[in-house]
C-alpha cells in the first residue's frame, strides 16, 4: 500500500488525499476539471472545492484517470451517481486488481443499488471496502481529529487498508458490515435534509431530536432488510454520522434543508453551489428501495415528496405530525 490513487478531487477526495499523504503514502489525485488539477499542482491548494487548505507539495493531481489508477489501492471519492460511469472509465487500467475503497455515500438512482453493488458490476473481481463515518472534509484536510469506519468482508484486507490510511488524528476502525456502513452513510443525508427543514421552519430542538431518533429507526429497518447488523448503526457510520450531519450548517444536506425550510426553492439552492448534496439524489432511491423491500420510511418519503414530488413543506410536516400514535419500537416503529 505504498501508492494511493484518489478518484475525485472534490472537497472529500482532496481531504482524503491529504489524509493518505499524512499516513506516509504517495498520492495521485484524479480531477475531472483540468483547472483543479493545475491549481493543486501549481499552488498546492484546491481553490474551487477546498479553498484555504494548504496541501502537501508531494500530492500530484492529474486528469489522466489511468495515471491515478496505477496505484496499490484506489479511493473512490466521486459523487455517488457518478460511480458507475467513472468505474467504467477505470476498468481498463485496473488489470493489476487494486483494492477499491468506496468513499461515496449514496444509493444509485434507477437501480436502487448500493455502491458496492455498482462497483461489483462495473469493476468485477476487484476486492472492495467501504469508508464511512462522521467526516467534514475541511476538518479532515486540516488534520482535526476524526474517526471513521472501514468496512470490508475480508478482515485481513480491512486491516491492511486501515493501516495504510490511519494516523493518530485520522482514526480508522475496521468492520465486516459492508451493508450497514453504506445504508447508514446514504440515508443520513436524507435525514439531514429533513432536520434542516425543521430548523428552517423554526420548529425547535425537541422536534429535531425526535426526527433524528425516528430517522435512525428508519435507517436500522432498511439496513437490516439489506443484511446489516443493527449494532452497526450505534457506531461511527450510523449514530456518529447522523450526529454530525443533522446538526451543523457545515453539512451540505442540512444547509440545503435549512434553505428549503426558509422558503427558498430547490433549484435556486442547487444553482448557487459547486458541491453536491448527496441526499437530493439519494432520497428517491431510498424510497424506491424501501418500497421494494417492504420497509416503512415515512420521513424519507416526506423528504422525497418535497424534493421530487412538489409537496408543500408545511403540508408535509402536518402529515407527519398526524401519523397515528403507537408503541415506540426503534427497529420497527
Protein backbone atom coordinates (compact mmCIF):
# COMPACT_ATOMS: atom_id res chain seq x y z
CA UNK A 1 0.00 0.00 0.00
CA UNK A 2 2.77 2.41 -0.89
CA UNK A 3 0.82 4.36 -3.53
CA UNK A 4 -2.79 5.53 -3.22
CA UNK A 5 -4.90 6.76 -6.12
CA UNK A 6 -7.83 9.02 -5.23
CA UNK A 7 -10.53 9.26 -7.88
CA UNK A 8 -12.38 12.54 -7.47
CA UNK A 9 -10.91 15.90 -6.50
CA UNK A 10 -13.90 17.47 -4.82
CA UNK A 11 -13.65 18.51 -1.19
CA UNK A 12 -13.84 14.93 0.12
CA UNK A 13 -11.39 13.46 -2.37
CA UNK A 14 -8.92 16.26 -1.69
CA UNK A 15 -9.24 15.75 2.06
CA UNK A 16 -8.66 12.01 1.66
CA UNK A 17 -5.58 12.72 -0.43
CA UNK A 18 -4.26 14.90 2.37
CA UNK A 19 -5.01 12.19 4.95
CA UNK A 20 -3.32 9.47 2.90
CA UNK A 21 -0.24 11.61 2.43
CA UNK A 22 -0.01 12.23 6.18
CA UNK A 23 -0.12 8.45 6.61
CA UNK A 24 3.05 8.26 4.54
CA UNK A 25 1.60 7.21 1.19
CA UNK A 26 2.42 8.52 -2.24
CA UNK A 27 -0.77 10.09 -3.56
CA UNK A 28 -2.08 10.71 -7.06
CA UNK A 29 -5.38 12.62 -7.20
CA UNK A 30 -7.59 12.45 -10.28
CA UNK A 31 -9.60 15.58 -11.10
CA UNK A 32 -12.32 15.98 -13.71
CA UNK A 33 -11.59 19.67 -14.19
CA UNK A 34 -8.16 20.49 -15.71
CA UNK A 35 -8.07 23.79 -13.81
CA UNK A 36 -8.47 21.96 -10.49
CA UNK A 37 -5.57 19.61 -11.28
CA UNK A 38 -3.42 22.51 -12.46
CA UNK A 39 -4.19 24.56 -9.34
CA UNK A 40 -3.30 21.69 -6.99
CA UNK A 41 0.00 21.07 -8.77
CA UNK A 42 0.88 24.76 -9.03
CA UNK A 43 -0.48 26.25 -5.81
CA UNK A 44 -0.88 23.14 -3.62
CA UNK A 45 -4.49 24.12 -2.96
CA UNK A 46 -7.87 23.11 -4.35
CA UNK A 47 -9.24 26.62 -4.54
CA UNK A 48 -12.56 25.54 -6.10
CA UNK A 49 -13.66 22.83 -3.67
CA UNK A 50 -11.46 23.22 -0.58
CA UNK A 51 -10.17 26.81 -0.50
CA UNK A 52 -7.78 27.92 2.19
CA UNK A 53 -6.36 24.45 2.91
CA UNK A 54 -2.68 24.00 2.11
CA UNK A 55 -1.84 20.60 0.60
CA UNK A 56 1.41 18.70 0.83
CA UNK A 57 3.53 19.58 -2.19
CA UNK A 58 4.11 15.91 -2.99
CA UNK A 59 0.43 15.29 -3.78
CA UNK A 60 0.16 15.15 -7.54
CA UNK A 61 -3.06 15.82 -9.42
CA UNK A 62 -3.89 14.55 -12.90
CA UNK A 63 -6.74 14.47 -15.42
CA UNK A 64 -5.49 11.09 -16.68
CA UNK A 65 -7.58 8.52 -14.80
CA UNK A 66 -5.23 5.69 -15.82
CA UNK A 67 -2.33 7.51 -14.17
CA UNK A 68 -4.24 7.72 -10.89
CA UNK A 69 -5.31 4.07 -11.20
CA UNK A 70 -1.68 2.90 -11.28
CA UNK A 71 -1.73 2.50 -7.51
CA UNK A 72 -1.77 -0.14 -4.79
CA UNK A 73 -5.26 0.93 -3.68
CA UNK A 74 -7.93 3.24 -5.07
CA UNK A 75 -10.21 5.57 -3.09
CA UNK A 76 -13.43 6.39 -4.94
CA UNK A 77 -14.50 9.86 -3.82
CA UNK A 78 -16.75 10.96 -6.65
CA UNK A 79 -20.47 11.76 -6.23
CA UNK A 80 -22.48 8.57 -5.78
CA UNK A 81 -24.42 9.00 -9.03
CA UNK A 82 -21.13 9.15 -10.96
CA UNK A 83 -19.63 5.95 -9.53
CA UNK A 84 -20.79 3.60 -12.30
CA UNK A 85 -19.63 5.89 -15.11
CA UNK A 86 -16.20 6.53 -13.62
CA UNK A 87 -15.67 2.88 -12.69
CA UNK A 88 -16.26 2.02 -16.35
CA UNK A 89 -13.53 4.52 -17.24
CA UNK A 90 -11.26 2.97 -14.59
CA UNK A 91 -11.78 -0.61 -15.67
CA UNK A 92 -9.15 -0.76 -18.46
CA UNK A 93 -6.47 0.46 -16.02
CA UNK A 94 -7.21 -1.97 -13.17
CA UNK A 95 -5.72 -5.18 -14.53
CA UNK A 96 -3.38 -5.26 -11.52
CA UNK A 97 -6.50 -5.74 -9.34
CA UNK A 98 -6.06 -2.99 -6.76
CA UNK A 99 -8.50 -2.98 -3.85
CA UNK A 100 -11.15 -0.29 -4.19
CA UNK A 101 -12.27 1.76 -1.17
CA UNK A 102 -15.70 3.27 -1.81
CA UNK A 103 -15.88 6.69 -0.14
CA UNK A 104 -19.07 7.87 -1.87
CA UNK A 105 -22.29 7.86 0.17
CA UNK A 106 -25.48 7.20 -1.74
CA UNK A 107 -27.83 4.77 -3.45
CA UNK A 108 -27.90 4.68 -7.23
CA UNK A 109 -30.93 6.24 -8.89
CA UNK A 110 -32.94 3.93 -11.09
CA UNK A 111 -31.38 0.66 -9.92
CA UNK A 112 -31.59 1.24 -6.16
CA UNK A 113 -28.14 -0.35 -5.92
CA UNK A 114 -25.74 0.21 -3.05
CA UNK A 115 -22.33 1.47 -4.12
CA UNK A 116 -20.71 -1.95 -3.61
CA UNK A 117 -23.30 -3.42 -5.97
CA UNK A 118 -22.46 -0.77 -8.55
CA UNK A 119 -18.72 -1.31 -8.21
CA UNK A 120 -19.17 -5.09 -8.31
CA UNK A 121 -20.85 -4.75 -11.69
CA UNK A 122 -18.57 -2.07 -13.14
CA UNK A 123 -15.27 -3.46 -11.79
CA UNK A 124 -15.97 -7.20 -11.48
CA UNK A 125 -13.48 -9.23 -9.49
CA UNK A 126 -11.82 -6.32 -7.70
CA UNK A 127 -11.75 -6.51 -3.89
CA UNK A 128 -13.59 -3.63 -2.27
CA UNK A 129 -14.23 -1.90 1.04
CA UNK A 130 -16.40 1.00 2.23
CA UNK A 131 -15.14 4.05 4.14
CA UNK A 132 -17.84 5.85 6.11
CA UNK A 133 -18.41 7.86 9.26
CA UNK A 134 -18.73 11.42 10.57
CA UNK A 135 -16.46 13.47 8.34
CA UNK A 136 -16.50 17.08 7.26
CA UNK A 137 -13.91 17.30 4.50
CA UNK A 138 -12.44 20.61 5.65
CA UNK A 139 -11.77 19.26 9.14
CA UNK A 140 -10.10 16.11 7.80
CA UNK A 141 -7.98 18.23 5.47
CA UNK A 142 -6.91 20.48 8.36
CA UNK A 143 -5.97 17.39 10.42
CA UNK A 144 -8.59 17.89 13.10
CA UNK A 145 -9.28 14.63 14.97
CA UNK A 146 -11.60 12.32 13.03
CA UNK A 147 -12.73 8.70 13.38
CA UNK A 148 -14.16 6.59 10.55
CA UNK A 149 -15.23 3.02 9.81
CA UNK A 150 -13.65 0.96 7.05
CA UNK A 151 -15.95 -1.97 6.27
CA UNK A 152 -14.77 -4.98 4.31
CA UNK A 153 -15.92 -8.59 4.11
CA UNK A 154 -12.27 -9.71 4.25
CA UNK A 155 -10.91 -8.82 7.73
CA UNK A 156 -7.29 -9.09 6.60
CA UNK A 157 -7.76 -6.66 3.74
CA UNK A 158 -9.72 -4.34 6.03
CA UNK A 159 -6.83 -4.14 8.46
CA UNK A 160 -4.29 -3.65 5.66
CA UNK A 161 -6.27 -0.77 4.19
CA UNK A 162 -6.96 0.75 7.60
CA UNK A 163 -3.27 0.62 8.46
CA UNK A 164 -2.41 2.37 5.19
CA UNK A 165 -4.67 5.34 5.97
CA UNK A 166 -4.75 5.76 9.74
CA UNK A 167 -2.83 8.32 11.75
CA UNK A 168 -3.31 9.45 15.36
CA UNK A 169 -5.71 12.16 14.08
CA UNK A 170 -7.40 10.09 11.37
CA UNK A 171 -8.54 7.03 13.27
CA UNK A 172 -9.72 4.18 11.03
CA UNK A 173 -11.66 1.37 12.68
CA UNK A 174 -12.43 -1.73 10.62
CA UNK A 175 -15.69 -3.67 10.38
CA UNK A 176 -17.15 -6.52 8.32
CA UNK A 177 -20.64 -4.94 7.98
CA UNK A 178 -20.39 -3.59 4.46
CA UNK A 179 -24.15 -3.18 4.03
CA UNK A 180 -24.54 -1.30 7.32
CA UNK A 181 -21.76 1.15 6.51
CA UNK A 182 -23.44 2.00 3.22
CA UNK A 183 -27.04 2.29 4.36
CA UNK A 184 -26.07 4.49 7.30
CA UNK A 185 -23.95 6.79 5.14
CA UNK A 186 -26.59 7.13 2.42
CA UNK A 187 -29.81 7.58 4.38
CA UNK A 188 -28.39 10.01 6.94
CA UNK A 189 -28.06 12.53 4.10
CA UNK A 190 -31.81 12.36 3.51
CA UNK A 191 -32.42 12.66 7.24
CA UNK A 192 -30.11 15.69 7.39
CA UNK A 193 -32.25 17.49 4.80
CA UNK A 194 -35.32 16.80 6.97
CA UNK A 195 -33.52 18.19 10.02
CA UNK A 196 -32.53 21.28 8.09
CA UNK A 197 -36.13 21.85 7.08
CA UNK A 198 -37.21 21.57 10.73
CA UNK A 199 -34.58 24.14 11.68
CA UNK A 200 -35.56 26.43 8.82
CA UNK A 201 -39.20 26.36 9.90
CA UNK A 202 -38.25 27.20 13.48
CA UNK A 203 -39.82 24.05 14.93
CA UNK A 204 -37.28 23.78 17.73
CA UNK A 205 -34.68 21.42 19.14
CA UNK A 206 -37.28 19.00 20.53
CA UNK A 207 -38.64 18.38 17.04
CA UNK A 208 -35.18 17.85 15.59
CA UNK A 209 -34.24 15.38 18.35
CA UNK A 210 -37.42 13.41 17.72
CA UNK A 211 -36.80 13.46 13.97
CA UNK A 212 -33.24 12.18 14.38
CA UNK A 213 -34.43 9.37 16.65
CA UNK A 214 -37.22 8.24 14.35
CA UNK A 215 -34.93 8.70 11.36
CA UNK A 216 -32.38 6.38 12.95
CA UNK A 217 -35.17 3.80 13.31
CA UNK A 218 -35.81 4.08 9.57
CA UNK A 219 -32.12 3.58 8.83
CA UNK A 220 -32.00 0.48 11.03
CA UNK A 221 -35.06 -1.02 9.34
CA UNK A 222 -33.66 -0.53 5.85
CA UNK A 223 -30.20 -1.68 6.88
CA UNK A 224 -31.50 -4.91 8.42
CA UNK A 225 -33.54 -5.56 5.27
CA UNK A 226 -30.27 -5.30 3.29
CA UNK A 227 -28.46 -7.70 5.61
CA UNK A 228 -26.81 -5.23 8.00
CA UNK A 229 -26.25 -5.80 11.70
CA UNK A 230 -28.40 -3.48 13.87
CA UNK A 231 -25.45 -2.76 16.19
CA UNK A 232 -23.57 -1.12 13.31
CA UNK A 233 -25.94 1.85 13.46
CA UNK A 234 -24.83 2.65 17.01
CA UNK A 235 -21.31 3.22 15.69
CA UNK A 236 -19.47 5.78 13.60
CA UNK A 237 -21.24 5.07 10.31
CA UNK A 238 -24.65 5.25 11.98
CA UNK A 239 -25.19 7.39 15.06
CA UNK A 240 -21.84 9.14 14.60
CA UNK A 241 -22.56 10.26 11.05
CA UNK A 242 -26.13 11.26 11.94
CA UNK A 243 -24.96 13.34 14.91
CA UNK A 244 -22.60 15.30 12.67
CA UNK A 245 -24.70 15.73 9.56
CA UNK A 246 -28.04 16.50 11.17
CA UNK A 247 -26.85 19.28 13.48
CA UNK A 248 -24.47 21.56 11.61
CA UNK A 249 -24.83 24.14 8.84
CA UNK A 250 -21.42 22.93 7.61
CA UNK A 251 -23.34 19.89 6.36
CA UNK A 252 -24.34 20.41 2.73
CA UNK A 253 -27.51 18.39 3.22
CA UNK A 254 -28.55 20.11 6.45
CA UNK A 255 -27.89 23.56 4.98
CA UNK A 256 -29.91 22.68 1.89
CA UNK A 257 -32.84 21.63 4.06
CA UNK A 258 -32.41 24.81 6.10
CA UNK A 259 -32.78 26.89 2.93
CA UNK A 260 -35.87 24.92 1.86
CA UNK A 261 -37.40 25.38 5.29
CA UNK A 262 -36.89 29.12 4.98
CA UNK A 263 -38.79 29.19 1.70
CA UNK A 264 -36.04 29.02 -0.93
CA UNK A 265 -36.57 26.81 -3.97
CA UNK A 266 -34.51 23.70 -4.60
CA UNK A 267 -33.40 24.97 -7.99
CA UNK A 268 -32.11 28.23 -6.55
CA UNK A 269 -30.19 26.46 -3.79
CA UNK A 270 -28.52 23.99 -6.15
CA UNK A 271 -27.66 26.69 -8.69
CA UNK A 272 -25.65 28.57 -6.07
CA UNK A 273 -23.43 25.58 -5.19
CA UNK A 274 -20.35 23.89 -6.63
CA UNK A 275 -20.60 20.83 -4.38
CA UNK A 276 -23.16 18.03 -4.35
CA UNK A 277 -25.69 17.45 -1.57
CA UNK A 278 -25.99 13.68 -1.96
CA UNK A 279 -29.34 13.49 -0.16
CA UNK A 280 -31.07 15.30 -3.03
CA UNK A 281 -30.25 12.45 -5.40
CA UNK A 282 -30.50 9.65 -2.85
CA UNK A 283 -33.97 10.46 -1.48
CA UNK A 284 -35.90 8.94 -4.38
CA UNK A 285 -33.59 5.91 -4.46
CA UNK A 286 -34.04 5.30 -0.72
CA UNK A 287 -37.82 5.44 -1.03
CA UNK A 288 -37.90 3.16 -4.08
CA UNK A 289 -35.60 0.63 -2.40
CA UNK A 290 -37.63 0.73 0.83
CA UNK A 291 -40.88 0.08 -1.04
CA UNK A 292 -39.29 -2.82 -2.91
CA UNK A 293 -38.19 -4.34 0.40
CA UNK A 294 -41.42 -3.56 2.23
CA UNK A 295 -39.77 -1.16 4.70
CA UNK A 296 -41.74 1.74 6.18
CA UNK A 297 -39.77 5.02 5.92
CA UNK A 298 -42.18 7.96 6.35
CA UNK A 299 -39.51 10.62 6.97
CA UNK A 300 -37.58 9.64 3.85
CA UNK A 301 -40.84 9.61 1.88
CA UNK A 302 -41.67 13.09 3.14
CA UNK A 303 -38.27 14.45 2.06
CA UNK A 304 -38.59 12.79 -1.34
CA UNK A 305 -42.03 14.33 -1.75
CA UNK A 306 -40.66 17.82 -1.08
CA UNK A 307 -37.59 17.37 -3.31
CA UNK A 308 -39.07 15.42 -6.19
CA UNK A 309 -42.84 15.49 -5.87
CA UNK A 310 -43.59 19.17 -5.46
CA UNK A 311 -45.04 18.60 -1.99
CA UNK A 312 -45.67 21.65 0.18
CA UNK A 313 -43.32 21.84 3.17
CA UNK A 314 -45.99 22.90 5.66
CA UNK A 315 -48.46 20.27 4.49
CA UNK A 316 -45.78 17.58 4.63
CA UNK A 317 -44.89 18.47 8.21
CA UNK A 318 -48.58 18.42 9.15
CA UNK A 319 -48.89 14.98 7.58
CA UNK A 320 -46.02 13.61 9.65
CA UNK A 321 -47.49 15.09 12.83
CA UNK A 322 -50.85 13.48 12.04
CA UNK A 323 -49.46 9.95 11.86
CA UNK A 324 -51.19 7.58 14.31
CA UNK A 325 -49.68 7.03 17.75
CA UNK A 326 -48.22 3.64 18.55
CA UNK A 327 -45.77 1.98 20.95
CA UNK A 328 -42.16 3.02 20.39
CA UNK A 329 -40.13 0.28 18.75
CA UNK A 330 -36.85 1.70 17.43
CA UNK A 331 -36.25 -1.02 14.84
CA UNK A 332 -39.87 -1.49 13.81
CA UNK A 333 -41.75 1.76 14.58
